[in-house]
Structures are given as C-alpha cells and as structure tokens.
Amino acid sequence: VSYLPPSLFRTHPDCVGVPLLSVEIKILKEDGTEAMAGEDGFLYVKGPNVMLGYYLLPSLTAKVLSDGWLRTGDIATITEEGLLKIKGRSDDMMIIRGVNVFPSQIESVLLKNADIQPHYHINVDRVNNLDTMEIVVELSPSVSIDEVAHVEEIRKKLASDMTSALSVSAKIEAAM
C-alpha cells in the first residue's frame, strides 16, 4: 500500500513511505475523526489491491471493511513530511492509567540501550483498580553502573517517548 523511495531509506528508516498512486490512506482517531500529522490513529486503506472480504465470513468482513475502506489493525501516523509510519498493532496495545502503550515503544527504548541484554519482561498488574507496569531488565555482565541511576534513565526515556502521565517502575536483575 506504500512505497519508501530509496533516497529516504537513511533519513526515514522508521517510515514505510507514501501511498502507492492507486491507494488512498487515512488515519482515524478513536472517535472516528481524522488524525492530524503526527497524531496516532487507526490505519485505513482503500484501493484496487485491497481485499474484497474474508471468504465465507461476512460478519468478520463487516468488522474490517466499510465503503471500500479496510481497517488494517495498525496504529499509524502521517509525519509532517507526509510519510506513513506504523507504530504497532491495535491488538497489541495495553492501556495503562488511560495511556495507550505499545510493547514496541517500550522495546525501542530498551533496545537503544547497549547496557541492556536483549531479554527483559514487562508485567502489567491491576491493583486497586489502577494499572501498573513493571519492566525487568538484565544488564550486560560487563556493566558496572549505579542501579538506581540506570532505572531512572530508563524511566525518563520511557516517559518522554510515551507520556509523563505514565508511571513506570523498573528493576535491574544481575546477569547470570
């Protein structure tokens, strides 16, 4: 449905490009209104290459197709430059204290940190009717860093990537 010209590979590696000439795209927010540039929403596509429906499953087809528009299930945004960026899948989304959180957002923050091993886990608990999230990471064996400072660094990066309203606790486990 989209195309990223090779000239943009290096400058926009997180984007999937512009719509093909025969394809229309739109990003709709939860309330059904069209998202502005930079706002996240549900990706809808329309064009001759879009499926007509699920074979012998009209009720499932009705959930994803309307007036030729396919709701892909992707959460996406259109950048200021007009490029399509996929943020994640709507069925992967967690709602933590009213904030939409995608595991891919958390992973991107953690994977940017060379001190963190590529295995970690995220716990989401509902306590007293409030969702809390705990991220447990493992530091590389060669790292000798103040654990409290490291947790605070992770928390700040997550908050700036998502929202300051999100309360994140993180704890460090020693590498074995």
Protein backbone atom coordinates (compact mmCIF):
# COMPACT_ATOMS: atom_id res chain seq x y z
CA VAL A 1 0.00 0.00 0.00
CA SER A 2 3.00 2.29 0.39
CA TYR A 3 6.45 2.85 -1.02
CA LEU A 4 9.56 4.36 0.58
CA PRO A 5 11.86 5.74 -2.10
CA PRO A 6 15.48 4.57 -1.68
CA SER A 7 16.55 8.20 -1.28
CA LEU A 8 14.65 8.26 2.04
CA PHE A 9 15.96 4.97 3.50
CA ARG A 10 18.66 6.63 5.59
CA THR A 11 16.73 9.72 6.68
CA HIS A 12 13.41 7.99 7.47
CA PRO A 13 14.20 4.36 8.42
CA ASP A 14 11.15 4.22 10.71
CA CYS A 15 8.69 5.06 7.93
CA VAL A 16 7.06 2.85 5.30
CA GLY A 17 6.71 5.62 2.76
CA VAL A 18 3.98 7.30 0.77
CA PRO A 19 0.82 5.65 -0.54
CA LEU A 20 1.03 3.99 -3.94
CA LEU A 21 -0.67 6.04 -6.66
CA SER A 22 -3.68 3.71 -6.72
CA VAL A 23 -4.11 3.63 -2.93
CA GLU A 24 -5.75 6.04 -0.53
CA ILE A 25 -4.90 6.02 3.16
CA LYS A 26 -6.36 7.74 6.16
CA ILE A 27 -5.64 7.71 9.87
CA LEU A 28 -8.69 7.88 12.13
CA LYS A 29 -8.63 8.53 15.85
CA GLU A 30 -10.73 6.51 18.31
CA ASP A 31 -13.62 8.96 17.94
CA GLY A 32 -13.68 8.49 14.15
CA THR A 33 -12.23 11.89 13.29
CA GLU A 34 -9.24 12.18 11.02
CA ALA A 35 -5.88 12.42 12.81
CA MET A 36 -3.63 15.40 12.17
CA ALA A 37 0.01 14.98 11.12
CA GLY A 38 1.93 13.40 13.98
CA GLU A 39 -1.19 12.06 15.74
CA ASP A 40 -1.63 8.32 16.17
CA GLY A 41 -4.73 6.56 14.93
CA PHE A 42 -6.05 3.52 13.10
CA LEU A 43 -4.80 2.99 9.55
CA TYR A 44 -7.43 2.63 6.82
CA VAL A 45 -6.57 1.83 3.20
CA LYS A 46 -8.64 1.85 0.03
CA GLY A 47 -7.71 0.83 -3.49
CA PRO A 48 -7.96 -1.84 -6.18
CA ASN A 49 -5.41 -4.00 -4.35
CA VAL A 50 -7.43 -4.12 -1.12
CA MET A 51 -9.26 -7.35 -0.38
CA LEU A 52 -12.97 -7.63 -1.03
CA GLY A 53 -13.58 -9.59 2.15
CA TYR A 54 -12.90 -12.79 4.03
CA TYR A 55 -14.05 -15.87 2.14
CA LEU A 56 -17.40 -17.07 3.53
CA LEU A 57 -17.04 -14.87 6.62
CA PRO A 58 -19.37 -11.89 6.12
CA SER A 59 -19.50 -10.94 9.81
CA LEU A 60 -15.71 -10.74 10.03
CA THR A 61 -15.61 -8.83 6.75
CA ALA A 62 -18.10 -6.30 8.13
CA LYS A 63 -15.77 -5.62 11.08
CA VAL A 64 -12.85 -4.57 8.87
CA LEU A 65 -14.40 -3.28 5.63
CA SER A 66 -16.71 -0.31 5.20
CA ASP A 67 -17.39 1.56 1.95
CA GLY A 68 -14.26 0.02 0.44
CA TRP A 69 -12.04 1.13 3.33
CA LEU A 70 -10.07 -1.61 5.10
CA ARG A 71 -9.24 -1.10 8.76
CA THR A 72 -5.82 -2.76 8.84
CA GLY A 73 -5.48 -3.08 12.62
CA ASP A 74 -2.30 -1.00 12.50
CA ILE A 75 -1.76 2.07 14.64
CA ALA A 76 -0.05 4.62 12.45
CA THR A 77 0.67 8.28 11.91
CA ILE A 78 1.46 10.53 8.99
CA THR A 79 4.62 12.54 9.58
CA GLU A 80 4.93 16.27 8.87
CA GLU A 81 6.68 15.22 5.63
CA GLY A 82 3.64 13.16 4.60
CA LEU A 83 5.25 9.77 5.22
CA LEU A 84 3.37 6.84 6.73
CA LYS A 85 4.80 5.48 9.99
CA ILE A 86 3.46 2.27 11.55
CA LYS A 87 3.58 2.42 15.35
CA GLY A 88 2.21 -1.02 16.19
CA ARG A 89 -0.86 -3.24 16.10
CA SER A 90 -4.05 -2.17 17.81
CA ASP A 91 -4.45 -5.67 19.24
CA ASP A 92 -1.01 -5.33 20.92
CA MET A 93 -1.97 -2.13 22.71
CA MET A 94 -2.12 -2.01 26.51
CA ILE A 95 -3.96 0.75 28.32
CA ILE A 96 -2.00 1.80 31.39
CA ARG A 97 -3.67 4.50 33.51
CA GLY A 98 -5.57 5.71 30.47
CA VAL A 99 -2.47 5.89 28.27
CA ASN A 100 -2.17 3.75 25.12
CA VAL A 101 1.10 1.85 25.41
CA PHE A 102 2.55 -0.43 22.76
CA PRO A 103 5.17 -3.06 23.60
CA SER A 104 7.09 -1.94 20.50
CA GLN A 105 7.52 1.54 22.05
CA ILE A 106 8.99 0.04 25.20
CA GLU A 107 11.20 -2.32 23.21
CA SER A 108 12.58 0.51 21.08
CA VAL A 109 13.64 2.41 24.21
CA LEU A 110 15.21 -0.66 25.81
CA LEU A 111 16.99 -1.82 22.66
CA LYS A 112 18.64 1.58 22.20
CA ASN A 113 20.48 1.00 25.46
CA ALA A 114 23.61 -1.08 24.84
CA ASP A 115 23.85 -1.97 28.55
CA ILE A 116 20.60 -3.94 28.46
CA GLN A 117 20.54 -7.57 27.43
CA PRO A 118 18.06 -8.37 24.65
CA HIS A 119 15.80 -10.20 27.10
CA TYR A 120 13.51 -8.45 29.51
CA HIS A 121 9.91 -8.77 30.54
CA ILE A 122 7.04 -6.41 31.15
CA ASN A 123 4.46 -7.07 33.83
CA VAL A 124 1.14 -5.26 33.82
CA ASP A 125 -0.89 -5.59 37.01
CA ARG A 126 -4.25 -4.25 38.07
CA VAL A 127 -4.09 -3.24 41.73
CA ASN A 128 -6.75 -1.09 43.42
CA ASN A 129 -8.31 -0.52 40.01
CA LEU A 130 -5.09 1.08 38.70
CA ASP A 131 -2.85 -0.46 36.08
CA THR A 132 0.85 -0.50 36.87
CA MET A 133 3.68 -1.59 34.68
CA GLU A 134 6.97 -3.08 35.79
CA ILE A 135 9.82 -3.60 33.37
CA VAL A 136 12.51 -6.02 34.46
CA VAL A 137 15.75 -5.73 32.51
CA GLU A 138 19.05 -7.51 32.70
CA LEU A 139 22.26 -5.54 32.40
CA SER A 140 25.19 -6.81 30.37
CA PRO A 141 27.69 -8.64 32.61
CA SER A 142 30.42 -6.07 31.87
CA VAL A 143 28.37 -3.12 33.11
CA SER A 144 29.13 -1.66 36.50
CA ILE A 145 26.67 1.20 36.87
CA ASP A 146 24.62 2.54 39.71
CA GLU A 147 21.36 0.56 39.54
CA VAL A 148 19.21 3.46 40.75
CA ALA A 149 20.65 5.83 38.12
CA HIS A 150 20.10 3.23 35.41
CA VAL A 151 16.47 2.66 36.39
CA GLU A 152 15.89 6.43 36.45
CA GLU A 153 17.41 6.76 32.96
CA ILE A 154 15.07 4.07 31.60
CA ARG A 155 12.07 5.67 33.30
CA LYS A 156 12.87 9.11 31.82
CA LYS A 157 13.29 7.73 28.31
CA LEU A 158 10.03 5.78 28.51
CA ALA A 159 8.16 8.79 29.85
CA SER A 160 9.49 11.08 27.12
CA ASP A 161 8.64 8.52 24.42
CA MET A 162 5.10 7.93 25.67
CA THR A 163 3.82 10.49 28.14
CA SER A 164 4.73 11.87 31.52
CA ALA A 165 1.39 10.57 32.82
CA LEU A 166 2.69 7.01 32.57
CA SER A 167 4.15 5.70 35.79
CA VAL A 168 6.82 3.10 35.14
CA SER A 169 8.83 1.18 37.66
CA ALA A 170 11.83 -0.77 36.53
CA LYS A 171 14.20 -3.03 38.33
CA ILE A 172 17.55 -4.41 37.31
CA GLU A 173 18.44 -8.07 37.59
CA ALA A 174 22.07 -9.15 37.60
CA ALA A 175 23.25 -11.05 34.57
CA MET A 176 23.99 -14.70 35.27
